[in-house]
Amino acid sequence: MAKKRQTKSTASKKRTTARPASLSDAIELKLVARAMAKVKTGKIPTGQERSALKRHESKIEEERRWQHYATIPQKHWREMSGRQAKVLQEQAERYGIPFGSAVVCLPDVVKALHDFFSTNAKRLARPDIPEGIDPNDPDAMVWAGDADPGSWLDRVRRATALQKELEYEKSKKQVVPREDIHEAFTRIAGLIESAGEKLRRRYGNDAVDAISEVLDGLEIEIGGLSNGDADGKINSGL
């Protein structure tokens, strides 16, 4: 019994704390009730009663419309879109628009759709932007400018080609061709050979042993640079 008294007390409290209707609302409800009663008995409501009844019916209709908006069956959405359920689900997942479930809430779809428009405004305005380029990235879009869409891709291609050429020119300064190194080593070996001849004439063969070792080392290095071409040998004559 105590539990029932507590429930009754809670319900009573809710009724007493509920927001009371305004005087105008109360008058409106009375006019609606009188109008409905007269219509039911075949009597003609007054102009004031008819206006109140019309406002009431419009309010009920709007509330029901919002209920329908929030509970559109997937079947109806498929018929309106002309798409199969699988296609709708794939589009919903790809674009983040919630129309792939069994029941579609139109207010959510409308909000998501306009959020999508806002987020992708630049890409939608420029459909020629390649996939993978962020239209919100100023560096990626620097070549777009005010050019017409048809030439934008060409400008991007030219910019990419120019960048590759600059990278190539930079790499050429850092990487010396193997043939040039081979030729330089050969010239160095020739200079060392000449110095060895002078030392031989002045100090004898023992004085050029160290130079011979250097030349042997150069022969090995040049042989490796030649990548097996010929034998990489230098005829020192020592």
C-alpha atoms as a PDB file:
ATOM      1  CA  MET A   1       0.000   0.000   0.000  1.00  0.00           C
ATOM      2  CA  ALA A   2       2.866   2.343   0.763  1.00  0.00           C
ATOM      3  CA  LYS A   3       4.205   1.873  -2.725  1.00  0.00           C
ATOM      4  CA  LYS A   4       0.868   2.799  -4.274  1.00  0.00           C
ATOM      5  CA  ARG A   5       0.589   5.902  -2.082  1.00  0.00           C
ATOM      6  CA  GLN A   6       4.090   6.937  -3.178  1.00  0.00           C
ATOM      7  CA  THR A   7       3.182   6.494  -6.849  1.00  0.00           C
ATOM      8  CA  LYS A   8       0.024   8.492  -6.400  1.00  0.00           C
ATOM      9  CA  SER A   9       1.902  11.201  -4.606  1.00  0.00           C
ATOM     10  CA  THR A  10       4.492  11.395  -7.398  1.00  0.00           C
ATOM     11  CA  ALA A  11       1.813  11.599 -10.081  1.00  0.00           C
ATOM     12  CA  SER A  12       0.009  14.267  -8.110  1.00  0.00           C
ATOM     13  CA  LYS A  13       3.235  16.208  -7.766  1.00  0.00           C
ATOM     14  CA  LYS A  14       3.804  16.040 -11.514  1.00  0.00           C
ATOM     15  CA  ARG A  15       0.332  17.379 -12.161  1.00  0.00           C
ATOM     16  CA  THR A  16       0.819  20.244  -9.732  1.00  0.00           C
ATOM     17  CA  THR A  17       4.275  21.146 -11.057  1.00  0.00           C
ATOM     18  CA  ALA A  18       3.285  20.950 -14.741  1.00  0.00           C
ATOM     19  CA  ARG A  19       3.318  24.255 -16.555  1.00  0.00           C
ATOM     20  CA  PRO A  20      -0.215  25.651 -16.541  1.00  0.00           C
ATOM     21  CA  ALA A  21      -1.765  26.618 -19.845  1.00  0.00           C
ATOM     22  CA  SER A  22      -2.067  30.333 -20.505  1.00  0.00           C
ATOM     23  CA  LEU A  23      -5.445  32.020 -20.463  1.00  0.00           C
ATOM     24  CA  SER A  24      -5.394  32.411 -24.230  1.00  0.00           C
ATOM     25  CA  ASP A  25      -4.625  28.701 -24.658  1.00  0.00           C
ATOM     26  CA  ALA A  26      -7.505  27.803 -22.401  1.00  0.00           C
ATOM     27  CA  ILE A  27      -9.869  30.025 -24.366  1.00  0.00           C
ATOM     28  CA  GLU A  28      -8.575  28.536 -27.626  1.00  0.00           C
ATOM     29  CA  LEU A  29      -9.217  24.990 -26.390  1.00  0.00           C
ATOM     30  CA  LYS A  30     -12.761  25.886 -25.338  1.00  0.00           C
ATOM     31  CA  LEU A  31     -13.479  27.397 -28.749  1.00  0.00           C
ATOM     32  CA  VAL A  32     -12.080  24.267 -30.438  1.00  0.00           C
ATOM     33  CA  ALA A  33     -14.184  22.006 -28.210  1.00  0.00           C
ATOM     34  CA  ARG A  34     -17.369  23.980 -28.927  1.00  0.00           C
ATOM     35  CA  ALA A  35     -16.634  23.995 -32.659  1.00  0.00           C
ATOM     36  CA  MET A  36     -16.054  20.235 -32.731  1.00  0.00           C
ATOM     37  CA  ALA A  37     -19.193  19.588 -30.720  1.00  0.00           C
ATOM     38  CA  LYS A  38     -21.285  21.724 -33.094  1.00  0.00           C
ATOM     39  CA  VAL A  39     -19.818  20.055 -36.163  1.00  0.00           C
ATOM     40  CA  LYS A  40     -20.568  16.654 -34.654  1.00  0.00           C
ATOM     41  CA  THR A  41     -24.223  17.564 -34.027  1.00  0.00           C
ATOM     42  CA  GLY A  42     -24.639  19.232 -37.398  1.00  0.00           C
ATOM     43  CA  LYS A  43     -24.666  22.778 -36.093  1.00  0.00           C
ATOM     44  CA  ILE A  44     -22.709  25.650 -37.615  1.00  0.00           C
ATOM     45  CA  PRO A  45     -19.865  27.047 -35.475  1.00  0.00           C
ATOM     46  CA  THR A  46     -19.383  30.756 -35.108  1.00  0.00           C
ATOM     47  CA  GLY A  47     -16.646  32.523 -37.053  1.00  0.00           C
ATOM     48  CA  GLN A  48     -14.427  32.637 -33.976  1.00  0.00           C
ATOM     49  CA  GLU A  49     -14.963  28.934 -33.325  1.00  0.00           C
ATOM     50  CA  ARG A  50     -14.223  28.044 -36.953  1.00  0.00           C
ATOM     51  CA  SER A  51     -10.965  30.011 -36.870  1.00  0.00           C
ATOM     52  CA  ALA A  52      -9.896  28.292 -33.643  1.00  0.00           C
ATOM     53  CA  LEU A  53     -10.761  24.878 -35.110  1.00  0.00           C
ATOM     54  CA  LYS A  54      -8.773  25.629 -38.274  1.00  0.00           C
ATOM     55  CA  ARG A  55      -5.734  26.672 -36.259  1.00  0.00           C
ATOM     56  CA  HIS A  56      -6.020  23.530 -34.166  1.00  0.00           C
ATOM     57  CA  GLU A  57      -6.242  21.267 -37.228  1.00  0.00           C
ATOM     58  CA  SER A  58      -3.235  23.000 -38.819  1.00  0.00           C
ATOM     59  CA  LYS A  59      -1.209  22.469 -35.639  1.00  0.00           C
ATOM     60  CA  ILE A  60      -2.137  18.771 -35.491  1.00  0.00           C
ATOM     61  CA  GLU A  61      -1.310  18.363 -39.172  1.00  0.00           C
ATOM     62  CA  GLU A  62       2.134  19.959 -38.721  1.00  0.00           C
ATOM     63  CA  GLU A  63       2.925  17.730 -35.737  1.00  0.00           C
ATOM     64  CA  ARG A  64       1.964  14.634 -37.728  1.00  0.00           C
ATOM     65  CA  ARG A  65       4.000  15.834 -40.701  1.00  0.00           C
ATOM     66  CA  TRP A  66       7.132  16.089 -38.535  1.00  0.00           C
ATOM     67  CA  GLN A  67       6.442  12.587 -37.241  1.00  0.00           C
ATOM     68  CA  HIS A  68       6.262  11.334 -40.822  1.00  0.00           C
ATOM     69  CA  TYR A  69       9.451  13.206 -41.718  1.00  0.00           C
ATOM     70  CA  ALA A  70      11.313  11.346 -38.976  1.00  0.00           C
ATOM     71  CA  THR A  71       9.979   7.883 -39.897  1.00  0.00           C
ATOM     72  CA  ILE A  72      10.186   7.452 -43.665  1.00  0.00           C
ATOM     73  CA  PRO A  73      10.271   3.737 -44.557  1.00  0.00           C
ATOM     74  CA  GLN A  74      13.277   2.597 -46.602  1.00  0.00           C
ATOM     75  CA  LYS A  75      10.850   1.307 -49.229  1.00  0.00           C
ATOM     76  CA  HIS A  76       9.486   4.801 -49.820  1.00  0.00           C
ATOM     77  CA  TRP A  77      13.006   6.259 -49.960  1.00  0.00           C
ATOM     78  CA  ARG A  78      14.002   3.695 -52.581  1.00  0.00           C
ATOM     79  CA  GLU A  79      10.977   4.608 -54.665  1.00  0.00           C
ATOM     80  CA  MET A  80      11.675   8.345 -54.391  1.00  0.00           C
ATOM     81  CA  SER A  81      15.406   7.990 -55.149  1.00  0.00           C
ATOM     82  CA  GLY A  82      15.088   5.333 -57.817  1.00  0.00           C
ATOM     83  CA  ARG A  83      17.993   3.446 -56.215  1.00  0.00           C
ATOM     84  CA  GLN A  84      18.353  -0.042 -54.810  1.00  0.00           C
ATOM     85  CA  ALA A  85      18.937  -0.587 -51.100  1.00  0.00           C
ATOM     86  CA  LYS A  86      22.546  -1.702 -51.676  1.00  0.00           C
ATOM     87  CA  VAL A  87      23.333   1.476 -53.621  1.00  0.00           C
ATOM     88  CA  LEU A  88      21.764   3.647 -50.932  1.00  0.00           C
ATOM     89  CA  GLN A  89      23.767   1.918 -48.224  1.00  0.00           C
ATOM     90  CA  GLU A  90      27.019   2.359 -50.152  1.00  0.00           C
ATOM     91  CA  GLN A  91      26.281   6.044 -50.791  1.00  0.00           C
ATOM     92  CA  ALA A  92      25.340   6.573 -47.153  1.00  0.00           C
ATOM     93  CA  GLU A  93      28.630   5.053 -46.018  1.00  0.00           C
ATOM     94  CA  ARG A  94      30.728   6.901 -48.619  1.00  0.00           C
ATOM     95  CA  TYR A  95      29.228  10.367 -48.153  1.00  0.00           C
ATOM     96  CA  GLY A  96      28.092  10.158 -44.518  1.00  0.00           C
ATOM     97  CA  ILE A  97      24.426  10.854 -45.272  1.00  0.00           C
ATOM     98  CA  PRO A  98      22.063   8.660 -43.185  1.00  0.00           C
ATOM     99  CA  PHE A  99      19.581   7.286 -45.705  1.00  0.00           C
ATOM    100  CA  GLY A 100      20.740   3.659 -45.714  1.00  0.00           C
ATOM    101  CA  SER A 101      18.875   2.385 -42.644  1.00  0.00           C
ATOM    102  CA  ALA A 102      15.463   0.688 -42.510  1.00  0.00           C
ATOM    103  CA  VAL A 103      13.825   3.938 -41.380  1.00  0.00           C
ATOM    104  CA  VAL A 104      15.060   7.256 -42.736  1.00  0.00           C
ATOM    105  CA  CYS A 105      14.901  10.422 -40.641  1.00  0.00           C
ATOM    106  CA  LEU A 106      14.540  13.247 -43.139  1.00  0.00           C
ATOM    107  CA  PRO A 107      15.724  16.050 -40.778  1.00  0.00           C
ATOM    108  CA  ASP A 108      18.965  14.123 -40.184  1.00  0.00           C
ATOM    109  CA  VAL A 109      19.414  13.545 -43.918  1.00  0.00           C
ATOM    110  CA  VAL A 110      18.849  17.226 -44.734  1.00  0.00           C
ATOM    111  CA  LYS A 111      21.356  18.370 -42.102  1.00  0.00           C
ATOM    112  CA  ALA A 112      23.984  15.835 -43.208  1.00  0.00           C
ATOM    113  CA  LEU A 113      23.442  16.789 -46.851  1.00  0.00           C
ATOM    114  CA  HIS A 114      24.009  20.491 -46.232  1.00  0.00           C
ATOM    115  CA  ASP A 115      27.007  19.728 -44.000  1.00  0.00           C
ATOM    116  CA  PHE A 116      28.416  17.738 -46.925  1.00  0.00           C
ATOM    117  CA  PHE A 117      27.826  20.695 -49.265  1.00  0.00           C
ATOM    118  CA  SER A 118      29.568  23.046 -46.837  1.00  0.00           C
ATOM    119  CA  THR A 119      32.563  20.763 -46.264  1.00  0.00           C
ATOM    120  CA  ASN A 120      33.058  20.024 -49.971  1.00  0.00           C
ATOM    121  CA  ALA A 121      32.045  23.407 -51.389  1.00  0.00           C
ATOM    122  CA  LYS A 122      35.360  24.009 -53.200  1.00  0.00           C
ATOM    123  CA  ARG A 123      35.539  20.509 -54.662  1.00  0.00           C
ATOM    124  CA  LEU A 124      31.911  20.657 -55.836  1.00  0.00           C
ATOM    125  CA  ALA A 125      32.558  24.042 -57.447  1.00  0.00           C
ATOM    126  CA  ARG A 126      35.629  22.608 -59.222  1.00  0.00           C
ATOM    127  CA  PRO A 127      34.713  19.063 -60.362  1.00  0.00           C
ATOM    128  CA  ASP A 128      37.981  18.851 -62.328  1.00  0.00           C
ATOM    129  CA  ILE A 129      40.068  18.680 -59.138  1.00  0.00           C
ATOM    130  CA  PRO A 130      41.792  15.264 -59.193  1.00  0.00           C
ATOM    131  CA  GLU A 131      41.033  12.753 -56.490  1.00  0.00           C
ATOM    132  CA  GLY A 132      43.518  12.960 -53.660  1.00  0.00           C
ATOM    133  CA  ILE A 133      44.108  16.744 -53.880  1.00  0.00           C
ATOM    134  CA  ASP A 134      42.698  18.619 -50.909  1.00  0.00           C
ATOM    135  CA  PRO A 135      40.866  21.714 -52.213  1.00  0.00           C
ATOM    136  CA  ASN A 136      41.251  23.307 -48.782  1.00  0.00           C
ATOM    137  CA  ASP A 137      45.058  23.095 -49.057  1.00  0.00           C
ATOM    138  CA  PRO A 138      46.347  26.435 -50.420  1.00  0.00           C
ATOM    139  CA  ASP A 139      49.557  24.843 -51.689  1.00  0.00           C
ATOM    140  CA  ALA A 140      47.640  22.182 -53.608  1.00  0.00           C
ATOM    141  CA  MET A 141      45.273  24.755 -55.067  1.00  0.00           C
ATOM    142  CA  VAL A 142      47.832  27.448 -55.866  1.00  0.00           C
ATOM    143  CA  TRP A 143      47.737  26.578 -59.568  1.00  0.00           C
ATOM    144  CA  ALA A 144      43.967  26.780 -59.813  1.00  0.00           C
ATOM    145  CA  GLY A 145      43.786  30.576 -59.637  1.00  0.00           C
ATOM    146  CA  ASP A 146      41.025  32.038 -61.773  1.00  0.00           C
ATOM    147  CA  ALA A 147      41.714  29.764 -64.720  1.00  0.00           C
ATOM    148  CA  ASP A 148      38.869  27.934 -66.342  1.00  0.00           C
ATOM    149  CA  PRO A 149      38.413  24.314 -65.181  1.00  0.00           C
ATOM    150  CA  GLY A 150      39.557  22.912 -68.509  1.00  0.00           C
ATOM    151  CA  SER A 151      43.062  24.320 -68.142  1.00  0.00           C
ATOM    152  CA  TRP A 152      43.530  23.639 -64.451  1.00  0.00           C
ATOM    153  CA  LEU A 153      44.723  20.074 -64.918  1.00  0.00           C
ATOM    154  CA  ASP A 154      47.212  21.211 -67.554  1.00  0.00           C
ATOM    155  CA  ARG A 155      48.638  23.755 -65.151  1.00  0.00           C
ATOM    156  CA  VAL A 156      48.976  21.107 -62.456  1.00  0.00           C
ATOM    157  CA  ARG A 157      50.753  18.787 -64.906  1.00  0.00           C
ATOM    158  CA  ARG A 158      53.146  21.558 -65.957  1.00  0.00           C
ATOM    159  CA  ALA A 159      53.879  22.417 -62.340  1.00  0.00           C
ATOM    160  CA  THR A 160      54.531  18.776 -61.516  1.00  0.00           C
ATOM    161  CA  ALA A 161      56.849  18.400 -64.516  1.00  0.00           C
ATOM    162  CA  LEU A 162      58.741  21.558 -63.534  1.00  0.00           C
ATOM    163  CA  GLN A 163      59.172  20.260 -60.009  1.00  0.00           C
ATOM    164  CA  LYS A 164      60.563  16.978 -61.335  1.00  0.00           C
ATOM    165  CA  GLU A 165      63.004  18.855 -63.579  1.00  0.00           C
ATOM    166  CA  LEU A 166      64.210  20.954 -60.664  1.00  0.00           C
ATOM    167  CA  GLU A 167      64.744  17.826 -58.587  1.00  0.00           C
ATOM    168  CA  TYR A 168      66.651  16.249 -61.466  1.00  0.00           C
ATOM    169  CA  GLU A 169      68.916  19.291 -61.893  1.00  0.00           C
ATOM    170  CA  LYS A 170      69.598  19.284 -58.178  1.00  0.00           C
ATOM    171  CA  SER A 171      70.476  15.592 -58.206  1.00  0.00           C
ATOM    172  CA  LYS A 172      72.875  16.083 -61.134  1.00  0.00           C
ATOM    173  CA  LYS A 173      74.985  18.412 -59.019  1.00  0.00           C
ATOM    174  CA  GLN A 174      75.209  15.845 -56.244  1.00  0.00           C
ATOM    175  CA  VAL A 175      75.804  12.704 -58.331  1.00  0.00           C
ATOM    176  CA  VAL A 176      78.825  12.604 -60.632  1.00  0.00           C
ATOM    177  CA  PRO A 177      78.644  10.201 -63.592  1.00  0.00           C
ATOM    178  CA  ARG A 178      80.823   7.105 -63.247  1.00  0.00           C
ATOM    179  CA  GLU A 179      82.630   7.859 -66.493  1.00  0.00           C
ATOM    180  CA  ASP A 180      83.763  11.237 -65.154  1.00  0.00           C
ATOM    181  CA  ILE A 181      85.135   9.659 -61.980  1.00  0.00           C
ATOM    182  CA  HIS A 182      86.928   6.993 -64.019  1.00  0.00           C
ATOM    183  CA  GLU A 183      88.521   9.650 -66.218  1.00  0.00           C
ATOM    184  CA  ALA A 184      89.576  11.728 -63.218  1.00  0.00           C
ATOM    185  CA  PHE A 185      91.173   8.729 -61.515  1.00  0.00           C
ATOM    186  CA  THR A 186      93.031   7.936 -64.725  1.00  0.00           C
ATOM    187  CA  ARG A 187      94.438  11.480 -64.875  1.00  0.00           C
ATOM    188  CA  ILE A 188      95.469  11.249 -61.215  1.00  0.00           C
ATOM    189  CA  ALA A 189      97.182   7.938 -61.864  1.00  0.00           C
ATOM    190  CA  GLY A 190      99.069   9.543 -64.757  1.00  0.00           C
ATOM    191  CA  LEU A 191     100.316  12.319 -62.484  1.00  0.00           C
ATOM    192  CA  ILE A 192     101.419   9.807 -59.878  1.00  0.00           C
ATOM    193  CA  GLU A 193     103.137   7.755 -62.607  1.00  0.00           C
ATOM    194  CA  SER A 194     105.109  10.804 -63.753  1.00  0.00           C
ATOM    195  CA  ALA A 195     106.150  11.522 -60.164  1.00  0.00           C
ATOM    196  CA  GLY A 196     107.221   7.894 -59.813  1.00  0.00           C
ATOM    197  CA  GLU A 197     109.465   8.124 -62.889  1.00  0.00           C
ATOM    198  CA  LYS A 198     111.208  11.152 -61.443  1.00  0.00           C
ATOM    199  CA  LEU A 199     111.736   9.370 -58.125  1.00  0.00           C
ATOM    200  CA  ARG A 200     113.053   6.283 -59.930  1.00  0.00           C
ATOM    201  CA  ARG A 201     115.687   8.299 -61.814  1.00  0.00           C
ATOM    202  CA  ARG A 202     116.802  10.067 -58.681  1.00  0.00           C
ATOM    203  CA  TYR A 203     116.511   7.447 -55.921  1.00  0.00           C
ATOM    204  CA  GLY A 204     116.134   4.109 -57.687  1.00  0.00           C
ATOM    205  CA  ASN A 205     113.374   1.538 -57.756  1.00  0.00           C
ATOM    206  CA  ASP A 206     113.084   1.267 -53.968  1.00  0.00           C
ATOM    207  CA  ALA A 207     111.846   4.839 -53.774  1.00  0.00           C
ATOM    208  CA  VAL A 208     108.761   4.145 -55.830  1.00  0.00           C
ATOM    209  CA  ASP A 209     107.393   1.124 -53.942  1.00  0.00           C
ATOM    210  CA  ALA A 210     104.876   3.273 -52.063  1.00  0.00           C
ATOM    211  CA  ILE A 211     103.709   4.875 -55.299  1.00  0.00           C
ATOM    212  CA  SER A 212     103.258   1.451 -56.853  1.00  0.00           C
ATOM    213  CA  GLU A 213     100.983   0.488 -53.975  1.00  0.00           C
ATOM    214  CA  VAL A 214      98.935   3.630 -54.531  1.00  0.00           C
ATOM    215  CA  LEU A 215      98.574   2.835 -58.226  1.00  0.00           C
ATOM    216  CA  ASP A 216      97.531  -0.724 -57.420  1.00  0.00           C
ATOM    217  CA  GLY A 217      94.818   0.645 -55.154  1.00  0.00           C
ATOM    218  CA  LEU A 218      93.649   3.024 -57.867  1.00  0.00           C
ATOM    219  CA  GLU A 219      93.441   0.144 -60.337  1.00  0.00           C
ATOM    220  CA  ILE A 220      91.146  -1.722 -57.957  1.00  0.00           C
ATOM    221  CA  GLU A 221      88.930   1.321 -57.415  1.00  0.00           C
ATOM    222  CA  ILE A 222      88.715   2.106 -61.108  1.00  0.00           C
ATOM    223  CA  GLY A 223      87.938  -1.528 -61.834  1.00  0.00           C
ATOM    224  CA  GLY A 224      84.973  -1.341 -59.449  1.00  0.00           C
ATOM    225  CA  LEU A 225      83.684   1.900 -60.955  1.00  0.00           C
ATOM    226  CA  SER A 226      83.870   0.473 -64.444  1.00  0.00           C
ATOM    227  CA  ASN A 227      81.291  -2.117 -63.301  1.00  0.00           C
ATOM    228  CA  GLY A 228      83.099  -4.895 -65.167  1.00  0.00           C
ATOM    229  CA  ASP A 229      83.623  -2.905 -68.376  1.00  0.00           C
ATOM    230  CA  ALA A 230      87.098  -3.755 -69.780  1.00  0.00           C
ATOM    231  CA  ASP A 231      89.436  -4.548 -66.952  1.00  0.00           C
ATOM    232  CA  GLY A 232      89.782  -1.161 -65.304  1.00  0.00           C
ATOM    233  CA  LYS A 233      93.559  -1.444 -65.391  1.00  0.00           C
ATOM    234  CA  ILE A 234      96.037   1.409 -65.710  1.00  0.00           C
ATOM    235  CA  ASN A 235      99.320   0.736 -67.469  1.00  0.00           C
ATOM    236  CA  SER A 236     101.677   2.416 -65.044  1.00  0.00           C
ATOM    237  CA  GLY A 237     104.908   1.134 -66.639  1.00  0.00           C
ATOM    238  CA  LEU A 238     106.461   0.858 -63.166  1.00  0.00           C
END
